[in-house]
N, C-alpha and C. Protein backbone atom coordinates (compact mmCIF):
# COMPACT_ATOMS: atom_id res chain seq x y z
N MET A 1 -8.28 3.99 -39.65
CA MET A 1 -7.72 3.43 -38.27
C MET A 1 -8.94 2.92 -37.54
N ASP A 2 -8.73 1.87 -37.04
CA ASP A 2 -9.67 0.96 -36.20
C ASP A 2 -9.80 1.69 -34.92
N LYS A 3 -11.07 2.09 -34.60
CA LYS A 3 -11.31 2.79 -33.40
C LYS A 3 -11.16 1.95 -32.13
N LYS A 4 -11.48 0.75 -32.29
CA LYS A 4 -11.57 -0.34 -31.22
C LYS A 4 -10.04 -0.39 -30.82
N ALA A 5 -9.17 -0.40 -31.69
CA ALA A 5 -7.79 -0.58 -31.22
C ALA A 5 -7.19 0.50 -30.35
N ASP A 6 -7.84 1.75 -30.55
CA ASP A 6 -7.45 2.93 -29.66
C ASP A 6 -7.98 2.93 -28.32
N THR A 7 -9.15 2.11 -28.05
CA THR A 7 -9.51 2.24 -26.75
C THR A 7 -8.95 1.36 -25.71
N LEU A 8 -9.13 1.80 -24.46
CA LEU A 8 -8.42 1.06 -23.46
C LEU A 8 -9.23 -0.19 -22.89
N PHE A 9 -10.51 -0.21 -23.19
CA PHE A 9 -11.41 -1.22 -22.65
C PHE A 9 -12.11 -2.14 -23.69
N SER A 10 -12.39 -3.19 -23.30
CA SER A 10 -12.91 -4.23 -24.33
C SER A 10 -14.44 -3.92 -24.60
N SER A 11 -15.07 -3.30 -23.70
CA SER A 11 -16.38 -2.91 -23.83
C SER A 11 -16.83 -1.71 -23.11
N PRO A 12 -18.03 -1.09 -23.27
CA PRO A 12 -18.51 0.08 -22.55
C PRO A 12 -18.65 -0.22 -21.05
N ASP A 13 -19.30 -1.59 -20.81
CA ASP A 13 -19.40 -1.92 -19.33
C ASP A 13 -17.93 -2.02 -18.71
N GLU A 14 -16.96 -2.49 -19.44
CA GLU A 14 -15.51 -2.52 -18.77
C GLU A 14 -15.12 -1.05 -18.46
N ALA A 15 -15.49 -0.02 -19.32
CA ALA A 15 -15.02 1.34 -19.22
C ALA A 15 -15.74 1.90 -17.94
N LEU A 16 -16.92 1.38 -17.57
CA LEU A 16 -17.52 1.99 -16.35
C LEU A 16 -17.26 1.26 -15.17
N LYS A 17 -16.34 0.38 -15.05
CA LYS A 17 -16.03 -0.31 -13.70
C LYS A 17 -15.01 0.55 -12.98
N LEU A 18 -15.34 0.80 -11.72
CA LEU A 18 -14.42 1.73 -10.79
C LEU A 18 -12.96 1.23 -10.91
N GLN A 19 -12.79 -0.13 -10.90
CA GLN A 19 -11.37 -0.61 -10.79
C GLN A 19 -10.54 -0.24 -12.14
N ASN A 20 -11.36 0.08 -13.22
CA ASN A 20 -10.60 0.46 -14.47
C ASN A 20 -10.44 1.92 -14.63
N GLN A 21 -10.79 2.71 -13.66
CA GLN A 21 -10.65 4.09 -13.76
C GLN A 21 -9.26 4.74 -13.24
N LEU A 22 -8.46 5.40 -14.08
CA LEU A 22 -7.26 5.93 -13.55
C LEU A 22 -7.59 7.05 -12.64
N CYS A 23 -8.67 7.85 -12.85
CA CYS A 23 -9.06 8.90 -11.97
C CYS A 23 -9.36 8.56 -10.57
N PHE A 24 -9.90 7.37 -10.35
CA PHE A 24 -10.22 6.88 -9.01
C PHE A 24 -9.04 6.73 -8.07
N PRO A 25 -8.06 5.90 -8.43
CA PRO A 25 -6.98 5.93 -7.55
C PRO A 25 -6.19 7.17 -7.33
N LEU A 26 -6.21 8.01 -8.33
CA LEU A 26 -5.73 9.43 -8.10
C LEU A 26 -6.37 10.29 -7.01
N TYR A 27 -7.72 10.13 -7.19
CA TYR A 27 -8.63 10.85 -6.31
C TYR A 27 -8.42 10.30 -4.79
N ALA A 28 -8.45 9.00 -4.76
CA ALA A 28 -8.35 8.38 -3.42
C ALA A 28 -7.05 8.58 -2.86
N ALA A 29 -6.01 8.51 -3.69
CA ALA A 29 -4.62 8.74 -2.99
C ALA A 29 -4.38 10.21 -2.62
N SER A 30 -5.04 11.10 -3.45
CA SER A 30 -4.91 12.49 -2.97
C SER A 30 -5.56 12.80 -1.64
N ARG A 31 -6.78 12.17 -1.61
CA ARG A 31 -7.52 12.27 -0.27
C ARG A 31 -6.64 11.64 0.96
N LYS A 32 -6.12 10.65 0.68
CA LYS A 32 -5.31 9.90 1.63
C LYS A 32 -4.06 10.80 2.07
N VAL A 33 -3.42 11.35 1.09
CA VAL A 33 -2.21 12.14 1.46
C VAL A 33 -2.57 13.39 2.08
N VAL A 34 -3.70 14.02 1.64
CA VAL A 34 -4.23 15.36 2.39
C VAL A 34 -4.62 14.98 3.81
N GLY A 35 -5.27 13.80 4.03
CA GLY A 35 -5.65 13.41 5.25
C GLY A 35 -4.45 13.17 6.19
N ALA A 36 -3.26 12.64 5.58
CA ALA A 36 -2.11 12.55 6.46
C ALA A 36 -1.52 13.82 7.03
N TYR A 37 -1.89 14.91 6.39
CA TYR A 37 -1.34 16.24 6.89
C TYR A 37 -2.24 16.74 8.00
N THR A 38 -3.53 16.38 8.08
CA THR A 38 -4.50 16.93 9.10
C THR A 38 -4.02 16.95 10.46
N PRO A 39 -3.50 15.75 11.04
CA PRO A 39 -3.16 15.91 12.39
C PRO A 39 -2.12 16.89 12.79
N TYR A 40 -1.24 17.26 11.71
CA TYR A 40 -0.19 18.25 11.73
C TYR A 40 -0.67 19.69 11.65
N LEU A 41 -1.58 19.91 10.74
CA LEU A 41 -2.04 21.27 10.48
C LEU A 41 -3.27 21.72 11.40
N LYS A 42 -3.98 20.69 11.87
CA LYS A 42 -5.11 21.17 12.66
C LYS A 42 -4.73 21.92 13.96
N PRO A 43 -3.70 21.39 14.70
CA PRO A 43 -3.33 22.23 15.75
C PRO A 43 -2.77 23.68 15.46
N LEU A 44 -2.51 23.79 14.19
CA LEU A 44 -1.95 25.17 13.87
C LEU A 44 -3.16 26.03 13.19
N HIS A 45 -4.31 25.45 13.17
CA HIS A 45 -5.52 26.09 12.69
C HIS A 45 -5.46 26.45 11.16
N ILE A 46 -4.55 25.67 10.38
CA ILE A 46 -4.57 25.93 8.92
C ILE A 46 -5.00 24.57 8.21
N THR A 47 -5.58 24.80 7.02
CA THR A 47 -5.97 23.72 6.12
C THR A 47 -4.72 23.34 5.26
N TYR A 48 -4.93 22.21 4.63
CA TYR A 48 -3.95 21.87 3.52
C TYR A 48 -3.84 22.79 2.48
N THR A 49 -4.94 23.36 2.00
CA THR A 49 -4.82 24.36 0.89
C THR A 49 -4.22 25.67 1.42
N GLN A 50 -4.35 25.92 2.69
CA GLN A 50 -3.48 27.19 3.13
C GLN A 50 -2.14 26.78 3.30
N TYR A 51 -1.85 25.59 3.69
CA TYR A 51 -0.53 25.20 3.80
C TYR A 51 0.42 25.27 2.53
N ILE A 52 -0.40 24.86 1.49
CA ILE A 52 0.35 24.81 0.11
C ILE A 52 0.41 26.26 -0.33
N THR A 53 -0.58 27.11 -0.01
CA THR A 53 -0.40 28.45 -0.41
C THR A 53 0.63 29.19 0.40
N PHE A 54 0.82 28.79 1.67
CA PHE A 54 2.09 29.35 2.37
C PHE A 54 3.37 29.00 1.56
N MET A 55 3.40 27.68 1.09
CA MET A 55 4.58 27.29 0.37
C MET A 55 4.90 28.14 -0.73
N VAL A 56 3.97 28.46 -1.48
CA VAL A 56 4.07 29.38 -2.70
C VAL A 56 4.68 30.76 -2.23
N LEU A 57 3.98 31.27 -1.19
CA LEU A 57 4.43 32.63 -0.67
C LEU A 57 5.77 32.54 -0.01
N TRP A 58 6.21 31.56 0.53
CA TRP A 58 7.51 31.33 1.11
C TRP A 58 8.59 31.33 0.01
N GLU A 59 8.19 30.85 -1.13
CA GLU A 59 9.14 30.83 -2.36
C GLU A 59 9.19 32.13 -2.89
N GLN A 60 8.10 32.82 -3.01
CA GLN A 60 8.00 34.08 -3.64
C GLN A 60 6.94 34.86 -3.03
N ASP A 61 7.41 35.93 -2.21
CA ASP A 61 6.43 36.69 -1.39
C ASP A 61 6.03 37.83 -2.50
N ASP A 62 4.86 38.42 -2.20
CA ASP A 62 4.47 39.72 -2.87
C ASP A 62 4.21 39.41 -4.38
N ILE A 63 3.23 38.48 -4.60
CA ILE A 63 2.97 37.95 -5.95
C ILE A 63 1.52 38.19 -6.30
N PRO A 64 1.04 38.32 -7.52
CA PRO A 64 -0.40 38.57 -7.93
C PRO A 64 -1.22 37.16 -7.54
N VAL A 65 -2.46 37.33 -7.18
CA VAL A 65 -3.31 36.23 -6.94
C VAL A 65 -3.24 35.24 -8.12
N GLY A 66 -3.38 35.77 -9.29
CA GLY A 66 -3.26 34.86 -10.47
C GLY A 66 -2.08 34.08 -10.61
N ASP A 67 -1.05 34.45 -10.01
CA ASP A 67 0.37 33.52 -9.97
C ASP A 67 0.09 32.28 -8.97
N ILE A 68 -0.59 32.77 -7.79
CA ILE A 68 -0.89 31.64 -6.83
C ILE A 68 -1.75 30.64 -7.35
N CYS A 69 -2.86 31.06 -8.07
CA CYS A 69 -3.78 30.26 -8.78
C CYS A 69 -3.11 29.27 -9.66
N ALA A 70 -2.22 29.82 -10.54
CA ALA A 70 -1.45 29.05 -11.45
C ALA A 70 -0.52 27.97 -10.85
N ARG A 71 0.18 28.37 -9.74
CA ARG A 71 1.02 27.46 -9.18
C ARG A 71 0.35 26.30 -8.45
N LEU A 72 -0.80 26.61 -7.98
CA LEU A 72 -1.65 25.69 -7.06
C LEU A 72 -2.64 24.89 -8.08
N HIS A 73 -2.65 25.22 -9.27
CA HIS A 73 -3.62 24.66 -10.32
C HIS A 73 -5.16 24.64 -9.60
N LEU A 74 -5.40 25.91 -9.16
CA LEU A 74 -6.76 26.30 -8.48
C LEU A 74 -7.19 27.35 -9.24
N ASP A 75 -8.64 27.63 -9.25
CA ASP A 75 -9.15 28.76 -9.86
C ASP A 75 -9.33 29.91 -8.91
N ASN A 76 -9.53 31.05 -9.42
CA ASN A 76 -9.77 32.37 -8.66
C ASN A 76 -10.82 32.10 -7.59
N GLY A 77 -11.89 31.57 -7.93
CA GLY A 77 -13.08 31.43 -7.04
C GLY A 77 -12.79 30.46 -5.83
N THR A 78 -11.68 29.68 -5.98
CA THR A 78 -11.38 28.82 -4.83
C THR A 78 -10.28 29.65 -3.97
N VAL A 79 -9.27 30.25 -4.65
CA VAL A 79 -8.18 30.80 -3.98
C VAL A 79 -8.64 32.21 -3.17
N THR A 80 -9.55 33.02 -3.75
CA THR A 80 -9.90 34.23 -3.33
C THR A 80 -10.44 34.11 -1.73
N PRO A 81 -11.46 33.23 -1.54
CA PRO A 81 -12.01 33.09 -0.21
C PRO A 81 -10.85 32.56 0.76
N LEU A 82 -10.07 31.67 0.16
CA LEU A 82 -8.82 31.23 1.07
C LEU A 82 -7.94 32.31 1.50
N LEU A 83 -7.63 33.25 0.52
CA LEU A 83 -6.80 34.37 0.85
C LEU A 83 -7.44 35.33 1.78
N LYS A 84 -8.77 35.57 1.69
CA LYS A 84 -9.46 36.43 2.56
C LYS A 84 -9.42 35.74 4.01
N LYS A 85 -9.55 34.57 4.13
CA LYS A 85 -9.45 33.88 5.52
C LYS A 85 -8.08 34.13 6.11
N MET A 86 -7.16 33.93 5.26
CA MET A 86 -5.73 34.06 5.57
C MET A 86 -5.37 35.42 5.96
N GLU A 87 -6.08 36.50 5.36
CA GLU A 87 -5.91 37.79 5.74
C GLU A 87 -6.54 38.10 7.10
N ASP A 88 -7.76 37.56 7.19
CA ASP A 88 -8.48 37.71 8.49
C ASP A 88 -7.65 37.15 9.65
N GLU A 89 -6.94 35.99 9.49
CA GLU A 89 -6.20 35.60 10.37
C GLU A 89 -4.73 36.10 10.79
N GLY A 90 -4.56 37.18 9.98
CA GLY A 90 -3.31 37.89 10.04
C GLY A 90 -2.07 37.34 9.35
N PHE A 91 -2.12 36.36 8.58
CA PHE A 91 -1.10 35.84 7.80
C PHE A 91 -0.67 36.53 6.56
N ILE A 92 -1.51 37.18 5.94
CA ILE A 92 -1.10 37.96 4.73
C ILE A 92 -1.91 39.35 4.59
N THR A 93 -1.38 40.11 3.78
CA THR A 93 -2.20 41.31 3.36
C THR A 93 -2.41 41.15 1.82
N ARG A 94 -3.58 41.78 1.52
CA ARG A 94 -3.94 41.85 0.05
C ARG A 94 -3.87 43.38 -0.46
N VAL A 95 -2.99 43.69 -1.39
CA VAL A 95 -2.95 45.00 -1.83
C VAL A 95 -3.09 45.16 -3.25
N ARG A 96 -3.73 46.19 -3.79
CA ARG A 96 -3.78 46.55 -5.23
C ARG A 96 -2.37 46.73 -5.72
N ASP A 97 -2.11 46.06 -6.95
CA ASP A 97 -0.88 46.28 -7.61
C ASP A 97 -0.79 47.72 -8.17
N GLU A 98 0.21 48.43 -7.82
CA GLU A 98 0.34 49.88 -8.21
C GLU A 98 0.45 50.11 -9.70
N ALA A 99 1.06 49.02 -10.50
CA ALA A 99 1.19 49.19 -11.83
C ALA A 99 -0.12 48.88 -12.58
N ASP A 100 -0.88 47.95 -11.98
CA ASP A 100 -2.25 47.54 -12.54
C ASP A 100 -3.26 47.19 -11.41
N GLU A 101 -4.08 48.23 -11.30
CA GLU A 101 -5.16 48.19 -10.24
C GLU A 101 -6.02 47.11 -10.29
N ARG A 102 -5.99 46.38 -11.50
CA ARG A 102 -6.95 45.14 -11.54
C ARG A 102 -6.42 44.02 -10.94
N LYS A 103 -5.18 44.05 -10.56
CA LYS A 103 -4.38 42.86 -9.91
C LYS A 103 -4.35 43.11 -8.37
N VAL A 104 -4.47 42.15 -7.66
CA VAL A 104 -4.11 42.11 -6.22
C VAL A 104 -2.99 41.30 -5.86
N ARG A 105 -2.21 41.85 -5.15
CA ARG A 105 -0.86 41.20 -4.80
C ARG A 105 -1.11 40.73 -3.38
N ILE A 106 -0.46 39.57 -3.08
CA ILE A 106 -0.49 39.00 -1.81
C ILE A 106 0.89 38.97 -1.16
N ARG A 107 1.03 39.52 0.15
CA ARG A 107 2.25 39.61 0.84
C ARG A 107 2.12 38.98 2.25
N LEU A 108 3.07 38.33 2.55
CA LEU A 108 3.06 37.70 4.07
C LEU A 108 3.33 38.72 5.08
N THR A 109 2.67 38.45 6.14
CA THR A 109 3.01 39.37 7.38
C THR A 109 3.97 38.55 8.26
N GLY A 110 4.30 39.18 9.22
CA GLY A 110 5.33 38.54 10.19
C GLY A 110 4.72 37.23 10.56
N ALA A 111 3.41 37.11 10.88
CA ALA A 111 2.81 35.84 11.29
C ALA A 111 2.83 34.89 10.16
N GLY A 112 2.61 35.32 9.04
CA GLY A 112 2.79 34.46 7.92
C GLY A 112 4.30 33.81 7.68
N ARG A 113 5.20 34.71 7.80
CA ARG A 113 6.64 34.16 7.68
C ARG A 113 6.90 33.33 8.85
N ALA A 114 6.44 33.49 10.05
CA ALA A 114 6.71 32.74 11.20
C ALA A 114 6.04 31.31 11.11
N MET A 115 5.11 31.20 10.37
CA MET A 115 4.44 29.91 10.20
C MET A 115 5.33 28.95 9.62
N LYS A 116 6.21 29.41 8.70
CA LYS A 116 7.31 28.39 8.14
C LYS A 116 8.07 27.65 9.23
N GLU A 117 8.40 28.39 10.24
CA GLU A 117 9.13 27.66 11.29
C GLU A 117 8.32 26.76 11.97
N ARG A 118 6.97 26.89 12.25
CA ARG A 118 6.02 26.03 12.84
C ARG A 118 5.78 24.77 12.13
N VAL A 119 5.93 24.83 10.77
CA VAL A 119 5.58 23.73 9.96
C VAL A 119 6.73 22.97 9.42
N LYS A 120 8.04 23.49 9.66
CA LYS A 120 9.17 22.94 9.07
C LYS A 120 9.42 21.48 9.07
N ASP A 121 8.85 20.75 10.21
CA ASP A 121 9.05 19.30 10.32
C ASP A 121 7.87 18.50 9.69
N ILE A 122 6.92 19.19 9.16
CA ILE A 122 5.73 18.50 8.51
C ILE A 122 6.09 17.58 7.44
N PRO A 123 6.95 18.06 6.48
CA PRO A 123 7.15 17.30 5.19
C PRO A 123 7.76 15.93 5.55
N GLU A 124 8.82 15.91 6.45
CA GLU A 124 9.51 14.75 6.96
C GLU A 124 8.38 13.70 7.63
N LYS A 125 7.66 14.31 8.58
CA LYS A 125 6.55 13.50 9.24
C LYS A 125 5.63 12.82 8.36
N VAL A 126 5.21 13.53 7.38
CA VAL A 126 4.16 13.00 6.37
C VAL A 126 4.85 12.07 5.49
N GLY A 127 6.03 12.49 4.98
CA GLY A 127 6.73 11.56 4.12
C GLY A 127 7.02 10.22 4.71
N GLY A 128 7.10 10.12 6.02
CA GLY A 128 7.15 8.91 6.77
C GLY A 128 6.09 7.95 6.74
N CYS A 129 4.82 8.61 6.47
CA CYS A 129 3.64 7.93 6.50
C CYS A 129 3.36 6.98 5.33
N PHE A 130 4.19 7.15 4.28
CA PHE A 130 3.91 6.43 3.04
C PHE A 130 5.20 5.60 2.82
N ARG A 131 4.92 4.27 2.72
CA ARG A 131 6.13 3.29 2.37
C ARG A 131 6.22 3.24 1.01
N LEU A 132 6.98 4.13 0.39
CA LEU A 132 7.09 4.20 -1.04
C LEU A 132 8.57 4.38 -1.33
N PRO A 133 9.25 3.27 -1.99
CA PRO A 133 10.65 3.49 -2.34
C PRO A 133 10.95 4.86 -3.03
N ARG A 134 12.08 5.41 -2.81
CA ARG A 134 12.52 6.73 -3.39
C ARG A 134 12.36 6.81 -4.75
N GLN A 135 12.85 5.69 -5.44
CA GLN A 135 12.79 5.56 -6.94
C GLN A 135 11.34 5.62 -7.38
N ASP A 136 10.43 4.99 -6.79
CA ASP A 136 8.98 4.86 -7.16
C ASP A 136 8.44 6.32 -6.86
N ALA A 137 8.68 7.04 -5.78
CA ALA A 137 8.33 8.28 -5.57
C ALA A 137 8.63 9.27 -6.58
N ARG A 138 9.91 9.21 -7.07
CA ARG A 138 10.39 10.06 -8.11
C ARG A 138 9.58 9.79 -9.53
N THR A 139 9.31 8.62 -9.71
CA THR A 139 8.67 8.22 -10.98
C THR A 139 7.18 8.69 -10.88
N LEU A 140 6.48 8.59 -9.65
CA LEU A 140 5.21 9.01 -9.44
C LEU A 140 5.16 10.46 -9.56
N TYR A 141 6.01 11.30 -8.99
CA TYR A 141 6.22 12.67 -9.12
C TYR A 141 6.20 13.07 -10.54
N ARG A 142 7.19 12.33 -11.23
CA ARG A 142 7.36 12.74 -12.78
C ARG A 142 6.01 12.71 -13.53
N ILE A 143 5.31 11.27 -13.31
CA ILE A 143 4.13 11.04 -13.97
C ILE A 143 3.00 12.00 -13.64
N LEU A 144 2.83 12.39 -12.27
CA LEU A 144 1.87 13.33 -11.87
C LEU A 144 1.99 14.67 -12.52
N TYR A 145 3.31 15.19 -12.63
CA TYR A 145 3.39 16.37 -13.30
C TYR A 145 3.19 16.35 -14.74
N GLN A 146 3.38 15.08 -15.43
CA GLN A 146 3.00 15.00 -16.77
C GLN A 146 1.53 15.22 -16.97
N ILE A 147 0.74 14.57 -16.02
CA ILE A 147 -0.76 14.83 -16.07
C ILE A 147 -1.14 16.22 -15.88
N LEU A 148 -0.48 16.91 -14.84
CA LEU A 148 -0.81 18.37 -14.50
C LEU A 148 -0.54 19.29 -15.85
N ASP A 149 0.61 18.86 -16.51
CA ASP A 149 1.18 19.79 -17.53
C ASP A 149 0.47 19.47 -18.83
N SER A 150 -0.48 18.47 -18.85
CA SER A 150 -1.06 17.94 -20.28
C SER A 150 -2.30 18.77 -20.45
């Protein structure tokens, strides 16, 4: 099989051009999307990563840290300090799993459950920040999950 036929670029120099990188627009778009949330999350004193952690917990409370890591596609070293801060702020409690003491389970407090009401309008507000036709948004969503799942 001809190796050249399998490459995306005509030369190594072309492969090193920023405009030819799939990773760059993904990175830049991600930063832009997260940045769109900032004006809504900052007054609540939560970060985007805390916000998506809340989303996981609102869907399923009392879950192991490992499950949160898997759902968010983040490692334990990133999630653990985040959870510690959320605990210090009174949003969650961390408790050892009774069945397996090696695991830590995360439970929402009343303040953590109440945050859901405080953020309920954010998805609609942020969704309005991007002029993307619904069908294109669905296609993008499907493709991004193909990347995450590969």
